[in-house]
């Protein structure tokens, strides 16, 4: 079992994990609310939710592959276009000055681990943007000769590790780096960089899938 374009997958999923979004906002909020433990457990719940999206994505990929290779190629093409659209949306948000995360500086309170885990898990699983993203993103790296389910779970596991490292590191550094996380310039730079990477990645994948004479 091997993932197509493995190096491209690692680079893309790492940069996308660093993108300011709902998951990052929740980790920041809960860290501000309950400290490092609250943020880390919230991150654990979020990352467990990735396997749910990977499972549904694998079923969709398997269903398409059972029909025809042409449909799978079409699915990858639509997914690549969606990635480009996400990149354009990110750049548009930066240019219009929107989408910057805010830090909640409320007093730290004791919060149960069960509550933090549940909040993180449900936030990720019930986020339609994450579901659509996985359906568009994972097929780009699936090798049709091997099990889509095994490959999807492997990619989700890699994403799990990267996201846990980033989000727990973010939670640990929150109190020492509030000025950086509150900087609209820094957050816009992150979002702009991610948007450019998405556009380049989507374009590269479109060119790879283009039919040759």
C-alpha atoms as a PDB file:
ATOM      1  CA  UNK A   1       0.000   0.000   0.000  1.00  0.00           C
ATOM      2  CA  UNK A   2       1.397   3.396  -0.964  1.00  0.00           C
ATOM      3  CA  UNK A   3      -0.036   6.875  -1.292  1.00  0.00           C
ATOM      4  CA  UNK A   4       0.322   8.627  -4.641  1.00  0.00           C
ATOM      5  CA  UNK A   5       2.295  11.898  -4.500  1.00  0.00           C
ATOM      6  CA  UNK A   6       3.199  11.185  -0.876  1.00  0.00           C
ATOM      7  CA  UNK A   7       5.553  14.147  -0.503  1.00  0.00           C
ATOM      8  CA  UNK A   8       2.940  16.506  -1.961  1.00  0.00           C
ATOM      9  CA  UNK A   9       0.389  15.086   0.500  1.00  0.00           C
ATOM     10  CA  UNK A  10       2.670  15.692   3.507  1.00  0.00           C
ATOM     11  CA  UNK A  11       3.414  19.271   2.450  1.00  0.00           C
ATOM     12  CA  UNK A  12      -0.224  20.064   1.653  1.00  0.00           C
ATOM     13  CA  UNK A  13      -1.747  18.532   4.783  1.00  0.00           C
ATOM     14  CA  UNK A  14       0.850  20.210   7.007  1.00  0.00           C
ATOM     15  CA  UNK A  15       0.243  23.668   5.578  1.00  0.00           C
ATOM     16  CA  UNK A  16      -3.507  23.160   5.626  1.00  0.00           C
ATOM     17  CA  UNK A  17      -3.352  22.097   9.279  1.00  0.00           C
ATOM     18  CA  UNK A  18      -1.697  25.421  10.086  1.00  0.00           C
ATOM     19  CA  UNK A  19      -4.539  27.326   8.417  1.00  0.00           C
ATOM     20  CA  UNK A  20      -6.634  29.442  10.809  1.00  0.00           C
ATOM     21  CA  UNK A  21     -10.105  27.912  10.926  1.00  0.00           C
ATOM     22  CA  UNK A  22     -12.830  26.501  13.152  1.00  0.00           C
ATOM     23  CA  UNK A  23     -10.581  23.843  14.718  1.00  0.00           C
ATOM     24  CA  UNK A  24      -7.844  26.354  15.521  1.00  0.00           C
ATOM     25  CA  UNK A  25     -10.399  28.795  16.890  1.00  0.00           C
ATOM     26  CA  UNK A  26     -11.878  26.140  19.179  1.00  0.00           C
ATOM     27  CA  UNK A  27      -8.474  25.082  20.514  1.00  0.00           C
ATOM     28  CA  UNK A  28      -7.567  28.721  21.192  1.00  0.00           C
ATOM     29  CA  UNK A  29     -10.895  29.410  22.885  1.00  0.00           C
ATOM     30  CA  UNK A  30     -10.775  26.332  25.086  1.00  0.00           C
ATOM     31  CA  UNK A  31      -7.138  26.902  26.016  1.00  0.00           C
ATOM     32  CA  UNK A  32      -8.069  30.407  27.109  1.00  0.00           C
ATOM     33  CA  UNK A  33     -11.007  28.914  29.008  1.00  0.00           C
ATOM     34  CA  UNK A  34      -9.362  25.980  30.776  1.00  0.00           C
ATOM     35  CA  UNK A  35      -5.622  26.064  30.154  1.00  0.00           C
ATOM     36  CA  UNK A  36      -3.247  23.702  28.358  1.00  0.00           C
ATOM     37  CA  UNK A  37      -5.129  20.508  29.285  1.00  0.00           C
ATOM     38  CA  UNK A  38      -8.428  21.877  27.976  1.00  0.00           C
ATOM     39  CA  UNK A  39      -6.838  22.831  24.661  1.00  0.00           C
ATOM     40  CA  UNK A  40      -4.955  19.524  24.259  1.00  0.00           C
ATOM     41  CA  UNK A  41      -8.019  17.367  24.987  1.00  0.00           C
ATOM     42  CA  UNK A  42     -10.092  19.491  22.620  1.00  0.00           C
ATOM     43  CA  UNK A  43      -7.443  18.874  19.956  1.00  0.00           C
ATOM     44  CA  UNK A  44      -7.643  15.122  20.639  1.00  0.00           C
ATOM     45  CA  UNK A  45     -11.400  15.180  20.041  1.00  0.00           C
ATOM     46  CA  UNK A  46     -10.960  17.165  16.831  1.00  0.00           C
ATOM     47  CA  UNK A  47      -8.352  14.726  15.531  1.00  0.00           C
ATOM     48  CA  UNK A  48     -10.471  11.660  16.319  1.00  0.00           C
ATOM     49  CA  UNK A  49     -13.148  13.228  14.121  1.00  0.00           C
ATOM     50  CA  UNK A  50     -10.768  13.062  11.133  1.00  0.00           C
ATOM     51  CA  UNK A  51     -11.184   9.285  10.970  1.00  0.00           C
ATOM     52  CA  UNK A  52     -14.953   9.672  10.578  1.00  0.00           C
ATOM     53  CA  UNK A  53     -14.468  11.913   7.543  1.00  0.00           C
ATOM     54  CA  UNK A  54     -11.814   9.565   6.129  1.00  0.00           C
ATOM     55  CA  UNK A  55     -14.183   6.602   6.488  1.00  0.00           C
ATOM     56  CA  UNK A  56     -16.993   8.279   4.553  1.00  0.00           C
ATOM     57  CA  UNK A  57     -14.525   9.535   1.951  1.00  0.00           C
ATOM     58  CA  UNK A  58     -13.194   5.993   1.436  1.00  0.00           C
ATOM     59  CA  UNK A  59     -16.702   4.619   0.899  1.00  0.00           C
ATOM     60  CA  UNK A  60     -17.345   7.297  -1.712  1.00  0.00           C
ATOM     61  CA  UNK A  61     -14.051   6.591  -3.483  1.00  0.00           C
ATOM     62  CA  UNK A  62     -14.696   2.834  -3.462  1.00  0.00           C
ATOM     63  CA  UNK A  63     -18.158   3.329  -4.932  1.00  0.00           C
ATOM     64  CA  UNK A  64     -16.770   5.467  -7.754  1.00  0.00           C
ATOM     65  CA  UNK A  65     -13.903   3.041  -8.477  1.00  0.00           C
ATOM     66  CA  UNK A  66     -16.371   0.165  -8.736  1.00  0.00           C
ATOM     67  CA  UNK A  67     -18.113   2.007 -11.571  1.00  0.00           C
ATOM     68  CA  UNK A  68     -15.209   3.089 -13.773  1.00  0.00           C
ATOM     69  CA  UNK A  69     -11.731   4.598 -13.830  1.00  0.00           C
ATOM     70  CA  UNK A  70     -13.115   7.497 -15.864  1.00  0.00           C
ATOM     71  CA  UNK A  71     -15.483   8.460 -13.040  1.00  0.00           C
ATOM     72  CA  UNK A  72     -12.591   8.345 -10.575  1.00  0.00           C
ATOM     73  CA  UNK A  73     -10.564  10.682 -12.811  1.00  0.00           C
ATOM     74  CA  UNK A  74     -13.582  12.998 -13.006  1.00  0.00           C
ATOM     75  CA  UNK A  75     -13.898  12.912  -9.202  1.00  0.00           C
ATOM     76  CA  UNK A  76     -10.224  13.885  -8.843  1.00  0.00           C
ATOM     77  CA  UNK A  77     -10.654  16.710 -11.350  1.00  0.00           C
ATOM     78  CA  UNK A  78     -13.653  18.124  -9.486  1.00  0.00           C
ATOM     79  CA  UNK A  79     -11.684  17.834  -6.245  1.00  0.00           C
ATOM     80  CA  UNK A  80      -8.707  19.695  -7.707  1.00  0.00           C
ATOM     81  CA  UNK A  81     -10.992  22.506  -8.887  1.00  0.00           C
ATOM     82  CA  UNK A  82     -12.478  22.663  -5.386  1.00  0.00           C
ATOM     83  CA  UNK A  83      -8.997  23.032  -3.873  1.00  0.00           C
ATOM     84  CA  UNK A  84      -8.286  25.927  -6.235  1.00  0.00           C
ATOM     85  CA  UNK A  85     -11.597  27.521  -5.217  1.00  0.00           C
ATOM     86  CA  UNK A  86     -10.645  27.174  -1.539  1.00  0.00           C
ATOM     87  CA  UNK A  87      -7.323  28.858  -2.273  1.00  0.00           C
ATOM     88  CA  UNK A  88      -8.979  31.736  -4.108  1.00  0.00           C
ATOM     89  CA  UNK A  89     -11.451  32.122  -1.227  1.00  0.00           C
ATOM     90  CA  UNK A  90      -8.585  32.308   1.282  1.00  0.00           C
ATOM     91  CA  UNK A  91      -6.762  34.956  -0.739  1.00  0.00           C
ATOM     92  CA  UNK A  92     -10.003  36.895  -1.190  1.00  0.00           C
ATOM     93  CA  UNK A  93     -10.551  36.848   2.580  1.00  0.00           C
ATOM     94  CA  UNK A  94      -7.067  38.258   3.146  1.00  0.00           C
ATOM     95  CA  UNK A  95      -7.541  41.011   0.563  1.00  0.00           C
ATOM     96  CA  UNK A  96     -10.901  41.980   2.049  1.00  0.00           C
ATOM     97  CA  UNK A  97      -9.469  41.911   5.572  1.00  0.00           C
ATOM     98  CA  UNK A  98     -11.849  39.288   6.987  1.00  0.00           C
ATOM     99  CA  UNK A  99     -11.580  35.937   8.672  1.00  0.00           C
ATOM    100  CA  UNK A 100      -8.990  36.729  11.348  1.00  0.00           C
ATOM    101  CA  UNK A 101      -9.368  34.710  14.539  1.00  0.00           C
ATOM    102  CA  UNK A 102      -9.853  36.442  17.844  1.00  0.00           C
ATOM    103  CA  UNK A 103      -8.360  35.372  21.153  1.00  0.00           C
ATOM    104  CA  UNK A 104     -10.555  34.981  24.181  1.00  0.00           C
ATOM    105  CA  UNK A 105      -8.618  36.297  27.172  1.00  0.00           C
ATOM    106  CA  UNK A 106     -11.198  35.212  29.737  1.00  0.00           C
ATOM    107  CA  UNK A 107     -10.103  33.878  33.095  1.00  0.00           C
ATOM    108  CA  UNK A 108      -8.969  30.228  33.018  1.00  0.00           C
ATOM    109  CA  UNK A 109     -11.531  27.844  34.540  1.00  0.00           C
ATOM    110  CA  UNK A 110     -11.547  24.119  35.334  1.00  0.00           C
ATOM    111  CA  UNK A 111     -13.357  22.164  32.609  1.00  0.00           C
ATOM    112  CA  UNK A 112     -14.023  18.404  32.487  1.00  0.00           C
ATOM    113  CA  UNK A 113     -11.982  16.345  30.021  1.00  0.00           C
ATOM    114  CA  UNK A 114     -15.184  14.691  28.754  1.00  0.00           C
ATOM    115  CA  UNK A 115     -16.662  18.056  27.826  1.00  0.00           C
ATOM    116  CA  UNK A 116     -13.521  19.197  26.006  1.00  0.00           C
ATOM    117  CA  UNK A 117     -13.225  15.902  24.100  1.00  0.00           C
ATOM    118  CA  UNK A 118     -16.894  16.026  23.111  1.00  0.00           C
ATOM    119  CA  UNK A 119     -16.695  19.636  21.957  1.00  0.00           C
ATOM    120  CA  UNK A 120     -13.670  18.921  19.781  1.00  0.00           C
ATOM    121  CA  UNK A 121     -15.084  15.718  18.278  1.00  0.00           C
ATOM    122  CA  UNK A 122     -18.525  17.112  17.467  1.00  0.00           C
ATOM    123  CA  UNK A 123     -17.081  20.362  16.136  1.00  0.00           C
ATOM    124  CA  UNK A 124     -15.024  18.426  13.595  1.00  0.00           C
ATOM    125  CA  UNK A 125     -17.509  15.681  12.686  1.00  0.00           C
ATOM    126  CA  UNK A 126     -20.416  18.092  12.227  1.00  0.00           C
ATOM    127  CA  UNK A 127     -18.382  20.572  10.185  1.00  0.00           C
ATOM    128  CA  UNK A 128     -19.597  20.189   6.558  1.00  0.00           C
ATOM    129  CA  UNK A 129     -16.522  22.029   5.262  1.00  0.00           C
ATOM    130  CA  UNK A 130     -14.260  19.292   6.672  1.00  0.00           C
ATOM    131  CA  UNK A 131     -16.437  16.564   5.131  1.00  0.00           C
ATOM    132  CA  UNK A 132     -16.399  18.198   1.696  1.00  0.00           C
ATOM    133  CA  UNK A 133     -12.676  18.884   1.970  1.00  0.00           C
ATOM    134  CA  UNK A 134     -11.847  15.238   2.701  1.00  0.00           C
ATOM    135  CA  UNK A 135     -14.026  14.108  -0.208  1.00  0.00           C
ATOM    136  CA  UNK A 136     -12.100  16.468  -2.484  1.00  0.00           C
ATOM    137  CA  UNK A 137      -8.626  16.109  -0.994  1.00  0.00           C
ATOM    138  CA  UNK A 138      -8.056  12.407  -0.277  1.00  0.00           C
ATOM    139  CA  UNK A 139      -8.864  11.103  -3.795  1.00  0.00           C
ATOM    140  CA  UNK A 140      -5.965  13.159  -5.155  1.00  0.00           C
ATOM    141  CA  UNK A 141      -3.543  10.795  -3.393  1.00  0.00           C
ATOM    142  CA  UNK A 142      -5.371   7.444  -3.649  1.00  0.00           C
ATOM    143  CA  UNK A 143      -3.642   4.670  -5.581  1.00  0.00           C
ATOM    144  CA  UNK A 144      -6.500   2.747  -7.297  1.00  0.00           C
ATOM    145  CA  UNK A 145      -4.458  -0.475  -7.130  1.00  0.00           C
ATOM    146  CA  UNK A 146      -4.760  -0.620  -3.355  1.00  0.00           C
ATOM    147  CA  UNK A 147      -7.518  -0.359  -0.769  1.00  0.00           C
ATOM    148  CA  UNK A 148      -9.046   3.152  -0.654  1.00  0.00           C
ATOM    149  CA  UNK A 149     -10.143   2.500   2.943  1.00  0.00           C
ATOM    150  CA  UNK A 150      -6.645   1.554   4.141  1.00  0.00           C
ATOM    151  CA  UNK A 151      -5.074   4.508   2.334  1.00  0.00           C
ATOM    152  CA  UNK A 152      -7.719   6.935   3.643  1.00  0.00           C
ATOM    153  CA  UNK A 153      -7.203   5.737   7.210  1.00  0.00           C
ATOM    154  CA  UNK A 154      -3.433   6.056   6.795  1.00  0.00           C
ATOM    155  CA  UNK A 155      -3.781   9.641   5.549  1.00  0.00           C
ATOM    156  CA  UNK A 156      -6.163  10.435   8.413  1.00  0.00           C
ATOM    157  CA  UNK A 157      -3.620   8.977  10.862  1.00  0.00           C
ATOM    158  CA  UNK A 158      -0.866  11.170   9.404  1.00  0.00           C
ATOM    159  CA  UNK A 159      -3.186  14.176   9.592  1.00  0.00           C
ATOM    160  CA  UNK A 160      -3.991  13.181  13.205  1.00  0.00           C
ATOM    161  CA  UNK A 161      -0.319  13.289  14.220  1.00  0.00           C
ATOM    162  CA  UNK A 162       0.403  16.575  12.443  1.00  0.00           C
ATOM    163  CA  UNK A 163      -2.738  18.247  13.802  1.00  0.00           C
ATOM    164  CA  UNK A 164      -2.074  17.077  17.367  1.00  0.00           C
ATOM    165  CA  UNK A 165       1.483  18.405  17.268  1.00  0.00           C
ATOM    166  CA  UNK A 166       0.343  21.767  15.890  1.00  0.00           C
ATOM    167  CA  UNK A 167      -2.745  22.253  18.056  1.00  0.00           C
ATOM    168  CA  UNK A 168      -1.131  21.082  21.302  1.00  0.00           C
ATOM    169  CA  UNK A 169       1.877  23.255  20.561  1.00  0.00           C
ATOM    170  CA  UNK A 170      -0.498  26.133  19.943  1.00  0.00           C
ATOM    171  CA  UNK A 171      -2.254  25.494  23.244  1.00  0.00           C
ATOM    172  CA  UNK A 172       1.045  25.315  25.120  1.00  0.00           C
ATOM    173  CA  UNK A 173       2.368  28.517  23.587  1.00  0.00           C
ATOM    174  CA  UNK A 174      -0.883  30.483  23.836  1.00  0.00           C
ATOM    175  CA  UNK A 175      -0.112  32.378  27.022  1.00  0.00           C
ATOM    176  CA  UNK A 176       3.386  33.238  25.793  1.00  0.00           C
ATOM    177  CA  UNK A 177       2.345  34.229  22.273  1.00  0.00           C
ATOM    178  CA  UNK A 178      -0.964  36.032  22.643  1.00  0.00           C
ATOM    179  CA  UNK A 179       0.394  39.109  20.899  1.00  0.00           C
ATOM    180  CA  UNK A 180       1.368  37.014  17.861  1.00  0.00           C
ATOM    181  CA  UNK A 181      -1.953  35.164  17.676  1.00  0.00           C
ATOM    182  CA  UNK A 182      -3.814  38.459  18.031  1.00  0.00           C
ATOM    183  CA  UNK A 183      -1.852  39.966  15.134  1.00  0.00           C
ATOM    184  CA  UNK A 184      -4.083  40.326  12.079  1.00  0.00           C
ATOM    185  CA  UNK A 185      -0.943  40.621   9.929  1.00  0.00           C
ATOM    186  CA  UNK A 186       0.364  37.229  11.097  1.00  0.00           C
ATOM    187  CA  UNK A 187      -2.979  35.442  10.725  1.00  0.00           C
ATOM    188  CA  UNK A 188      -3.570  36.988   7.301  1.00  0.00           C
ATOM    189  CA  UNK A 189      -0.078  35.906   6.250  1.00  0.00           C
ATOM    190  CA  UNK A 190      -0.895  32.315   7.247  1.00  0.00           C
ATOM    191  CA  UNK A 191      -4.206  32.360   5.394  1.00  0.00           C
ATOM    192  CA  UNK A 192      -2.686  33.985   2.308  1.00  0.00           C
ATOM    193  CA  UNK A 193       0.152  31.451   2.185  1.00  0.00           C
ATOM    194  CA  UNK A 194      -2.304  28.584   2.482  1.00  0.00           C
ATOM    195  CA  UNK A 195      -4.482  30.028  -0.280  1.00  0.00           C
ATOM    196  CA  UNK A 196      -1.522  30.228  -2.650  1.00  0.00           C
ATOM    197  CA  UNK A 197      -0.477  26.645  -1.846  1.00  0.00           C
ATOM    198  CA  UNK A 198      -4.006  25.363  -2.488  1.00  0.00           C
ATOM    199  CA  UNK A 199      -4.153  27.065  -5.871  1.00  0.00           C
ATOM    200  CA  UNK A 200      -0.728  25.699  -6.879  1.00  0.00           C
ATOM    201  CA  UNK A 201      -1.584  22.209  -5.635  1.00  0.00           C
ATOM    202  CA  UNK A 202      -4.959  22.186  -7.413  1.00  0.00           C
ATOM    203  CA  UNK A 203      -3.344  23.397 -10.638  1.00  0.00           C
ATOM    204  CA  UNK A 204      -0.622  20.740 -10.414  1.00  0.00           C
ATOM    205  CA  UNK A 205      -3.196  17.992  -9.860  1.00  0.00           C
ATOM    206  CA  UNK A 206      -5.328  19.234 -12.766  1.00  0.00           C
ATOM    207  CA  UNK A 207      -2.322  19.136 -15.088  1.00  0.00           C
ATOM    208  CA  UNK A 208      -1.417  15.622 -13.925  1.00  0.00           C
ATOM    209  CA  UNK A 209      -4.965  14.388 -14.604  1.00  0.00           C
ATOM    210  CA  UNK A 210      -5.239  16.101 -17.982  1.00  0.00           C
ATOM    211  CA  UNK A 211      -5.640  13.589 -20.830  1.00  0.00           C
ATOM    212  CA  UNK A 212      -2.685  13.182 -23.159  1.00  0.00           C
ATOM    213  CA  UNK A 213      -2.856  12.469 -26.881  1.00  0.00           C
END
